[in-house]
C-alpha atoms as a PDB file:
ATOM      1  CA  UNK A   1     232.396 -35.780  37.974  1.00  0.00           C
ATOM      2  CA  UNK A   2     234.797 -32.750  36.853  1.00  0.00           C
ATOM      3  CA  UNK A   3     235.304 -29.233  37.771  1.00  0.00           C
ATOM      4  CA  UNK A   4     237.197 -27.026  35.881  1.00  0.00           C
ATOM      5  CA  UNK A   5     238.102 -23.218  36.442  1.00  0.00           C
ATOM      6  CA  UNK A   6     239.395 -20.624  34.540  1.00  0.00           C
ATOM      7  CA  UNK A   7     239.904 -16.633  34.713  1.00  0.00           C
ATOM      8  CA  UNK A   8     241.951 -16.121  37.899  1.00  0.00           C
ATOM      9  CA  UNK A   9     245.345 -13.959  36.752  1.00  0.00           C
ATOM     10  CA  UNK A  10     247.515 -10.943  38.623  1.00  0.00           C
ATOM     11  CA  UNK A  11     244.993  -7.855  38.436  1.00  0.00           C
ATOM     12  CA  UNK A  12     245.776  -4.146  40.194  1.00  0.00           C
ATOM     13  CA  UNK A  13     243.813  -3.146  43.181  1.00  0.00           C
ATOM     14  CA  UNK A  14     240.578  -1.741  42.251  1.00  0.00           C
ATOM     15  CA  UNK A  15     240.932  -4.224  39.073  1.00  0.00           C
ATOM     16  CA  UNK A  16     238.540  -6.836  37.996  1.00  0.00           C
ATOM     17  CA  UNK A  17     238.627 -10.210  36.841  1.00  0.00           C
ATOM     18  CA  UNK A  18     235.541 -13.466  35.719  1.00  0.00           C
ATOM     19  CA  UNK A  19     236.581 -16.527  36.866  1.00  0.00           C
ATOM     20  CA  UNK A  20     234.658 -19.495  34.971  1.00  0.00           C
ATOM     21  CA  UNK A  21     233.921 -23.126  36.611  1.00  0.00           C
ATOM     22  CA  UNK A  22     232.402 -25.374  33.849  1.00  0.00           C
ATOM     23  CA  UNK A  23     231.478 -28.612  35.264  1.00  0.00           C
ATOM     24  CA  UNK A  24     230.591 -31.881  33.797  1.00  0.00           C
ATOM     25  CA  UNK A  25     229.143 -35.298  35.297  1.00  0.00           C
ATOM     26  CA  UNK A  26     226.114 -34.848  36.676  1.00  0.00           C
ATOM     27  CA  UNK A  27     223.063 -32.883  35.990  1.00  0.00           C
ATOM     28  CA  UNK A  28     224.792 -29.287  36.882  1.00  0.00           C
ATOM     29  CA  UNK A  29     220.949 -27.751  36.403  1.00  0.00           C
ATOM     30  CA  UNK A  30     219.639 -30.086  39.489  1.00  0.00           C
ATOM     31  CA  UNK A  31     222.579 -28.822  42.250  1.00  0.00           C
ATOM     32  CA  UNK A  32     223.722 -25.983  44.027  1.00  0.00           C
ATOM     33  CA  UNK A  33     227.209 -24.636  43.525  1.00  0.00           C
ATOM     34  CA  UNK A  34     230.218 -22.187  45.116  1.00  0.00           C
ATOM     35  CA  UNK A  35     233.282 -20.515  44.727  1.00  0.00           C
ATOM     36  CA  UNK A  36     235.256 -20.524  47.593  1.00  0.00           C
ATOM     37  CA  UNK A  37     239.049 -19.685  48.008  1.00  0.00           C
ATOM     38  CA  UNK A  38     242.099 -19.928  50.460  1.00  0.00           C
ATOM     39  CA  UNK A  39     245.033 -17.918  51.281  1.00  0.00           C
ATOM     40  CA  UNK A  40     248.415 -18.827  51.725  1.00  0.00           C
ATOM     41  CA  UNK A  41     248.329 -20.208  55.582  1.00  0.00           C
ATOM     42  CA  UNK A  42     244.800 -19.632  56.145  1.00  0.00           C
ATOM     43  CA  UNK A  43     241.680 -22.344  55.721  1.00  0.00           C
ATOM     44  CA  UNK A  44     239.496 -22.754  52.214  1.00  0.00           C
ATOM     45  CA  UNK A  45     236.617 -20.108  52.821  1.00  0.00           C
ATOM     46  CA  UNK A  46     233.105 -19.347  51.492  1.00  0.00           C
ATOM     47  CA  UNK A  47     233.025 -17.013  49.106  1.00  0.00           C
ATOM     48  CA  UNK A  48     229.649 -17.665  47.767  1.00  0.00           C
ATOM     49  CA  UNK A  49     227.055 -19.532  46.086  1.00  0.00           C
ATOM     50  CA  UNK A  50     223.840 -19.952  44.117  1.00  0.00           C
ATOM     51  CA  UNK A  51     220.599 -22.399  43.568  1.00  0.00           C
ATOM     52  CA  UNK A  52     220.403 -24.834  41.120  1.00  0.00           C
ATOM     53  CA  UNK A  53     217.612 -22.125  39.850  1.00  0.00           C
ATOM     54  CA  UNK A  54     220.130 -19.231  40.711  1.00  0.00           C
ATOM     55  CA  UNK A  55     217.642 -17.654  42.293  1.00  0.00           C
ATOM     56  CA  UNK A  56     219.241 -17.458  44.899  1.00  0.00           C
ATOM     57  CA  UNK A  57     222.827 -15.980  45.974  1.00  0.00           C
ATOM     58  CA  UNK A  58     224.920 -16.403  49.543  1.00  0.00           C
ATOM     59  CA  UNK A  59     228.150 -13.883  49.992  1.00  0.00           C
ATOM     60  CA  UNK A  60     230.469 -13.626  52.041  1.00  0.00           C
ATOM     61  CA  UNK A  61     230.300 -10.522  53.930  1.00  0.00           C
ATOM     62  CA  UNK A  62     233.980  -9.539  52.878  1.00  0.00           C
ATOM     63  CA  UNK A  63     232.610  -9.463  48.697  1.00  0.00           C
ATOM     64  CA  UNK A  64     229.410  -8.056  49.756  1.00  0.00           C
ATOM     65  CA  UNK A  65     228.766  -5.599  46.944  1.00  0.00           C
ATOM     66  CA  UNK A  66     231.707  -6.326  44.704  1.00  0.00           C
ATOM     67  CA  UNK A  67     231.923  -9.806  44.125  1.00  0.00           C
ATOM     68  CA  UNK A  68     228.634 -11.575  41.501  1.00  0.00           C
ATOM     69  CA  UNK A  69     227.797 -15.067  41.216  1.00  0.00           C
ATOM     70  CA  UNK A  70     225.698 -15.998  38.107  1.00  0.00           C
ATOM     71  CA  UNK A  71     225.558 -19.813  36.468  1.00  0.00           C
ATOM     72  CA  UNK A  72     224.221 -21.118  32.950  1.00  0.00           C
ATOM     73  CA  UNK A  73     222.413 -24.196  32.900  1.00  0.00           C
ATOM     74  CA  UNK A  74     222.307 -24.452  29.313  1.00  0.00           C
ATOM     75  CA  UNK A  75     226.247 -24.282  29.399  1.00  0.00           C
ATOM     76  CA  UNK A  76     227.032 -26.119  32.643  1.00  0.00           C
ATOM     77  CA  UNK A  77     228.902 -23.207  34.150  1.00  0.00           C
ATOM     78  CA  UNK A  78     229.612 -21.157  37.493  1.00  0.00           C
ATOM     79  CA  UNK A  79     230.361 -18.181  37.096  1.00  0.00           C
ATOM     80  CA  UNK A  80     231.872 -15.845  40.051  1.00  0.00           C
ATOM     81  CA  UNK A  81     232.653 -11.279  38.952  1.00  0.00           C
ATOM     82  CA  UNK A  82     234.880  -9.752  40.658  1.00  0.00           C
ATOM     83  CA  UNK A  83     235.251  -6.052  40.777  1.00  0.00           C
ATOM     84  CA  UNK A  84     237.282  -3.562  43.136  1.00  0.00           C
ATOM     85  CA  UNK A  85     239.663  -5.856  43.833  1.00  0.00           C
ATOM     86  CA  UNK A  86     241.392  -5.555  47.321  1.00  0.00           C
ATOM     87  CA  UNK A  87     245.286  -7.242  47.987  1.00  0.00           C
ATOM     88  CA  UNK A  88     243.226  -9.514  50.180  1.00  0.00           C
ATOM     89  CA  UNK A  89     241.305 -10.839  48.173  1.00  0.00           C
ATOM     90  CA  UNK A  90     244.695 -12.845  46.890  1.00  0.00           C
ATOM     91  CA  UNK A  91     243.804 -16.539  47.149  1.00  0.00           C
ATOM     92  CA  UNK A  92     243.190 -19.694  44.672  1.00  0.00           C
ATOM     93  CA  UNK A  93     239.510 -19.827  43.856  1.00  0.00           C
ATOM     94  CA  UNK A  94     237.772 -23.082  44.062  1.00  0.00           C
ATOM     95  CA  UNK A  95     234.539 -24.293  42.252  1.00  0.00           C
ATOM     96  CA  UNK A  96     232.785 -27.252  45.091  1.00  0.00           C
ATOM     97  CA  UNK A  97     229.837 -29.231  43.668  1.00  0.00           C
ATOM     98  CA  UNK A  98     228.417 -29.812  46.800  1.00  0.00           C
ATOM     99  CA  UNK A  99     225.969 -32.879  46.609  1.00  0.00           C
ATOM    100  CA  UNK A 100     229.030 -34.313  45.212  1.00  0.00           C
ATOM    101  CA  UNK A 101     231.805 -32.747  47.632  1.00  0.00           C
ATOM    102  CA  UNK A 102     233.519 -32.566  44.530  1.00  0.00           C
ATOM    103  CA  UNK A 103     235.923 -29.541  44.056  1.00  0.00           C
ATOM    104  CA  UNK A 104     238.549 -27.560  41.166  1.00  0.00           C
ATOM    105  CA  UNK A 105     241.978 -27.397  40.311  1.00  0.00           C
ATOM    106  CA  UNK A 106     241.566 -23.870  41.228  1.00  0.00           C
ATOM    107  CA  UNK A 107     243.011 -20.849  39.651  1.00  0.00           C
ATOM    108  CA  UNK A 108     245.026 -18.065  41.067  1.00  0.00           C
ATOM    109  CA  UNK A 109     244.233 -14.857  41.693  1.00  0.00           C
ATOM    110  CA  UNK A 110     246.706 -12.419  42.285  1.00  0.00           C
ATOM    111  CA  UNK A 111     245.934  -9.227  43.575  1.00  0.00           C
ATOM    112  CA  UNK A 112     249.105  -6.039  43.320  1.00  0.00           C
ATOM    113  CA  UNK A 113     250.028  -2.870  41.822  1.00  0.00           C
END
């Protein structure tokens, strides 16, 4: 089982980024997937998760209305579209496969002017 995140980077406040997570080694379409983040000195926290079909999503209050989680089961991928980014969104973002308790290596997102 492997999860590989990509798409992080440096962006100015108010900007946008799209994170991708490529999954392999399991039947992706059967499982809930999630995005988490961890800022320096803070605990890892849930950002959003999505049901196996993509029909149900859940967001942390801090990102509601700004972030959108989606998935493409044909491509074994889950995405996080982030808009109106704020400095407090700066963190390492991780993809998570809940059922297998597997995490990706993380991708750094830095929001700064």
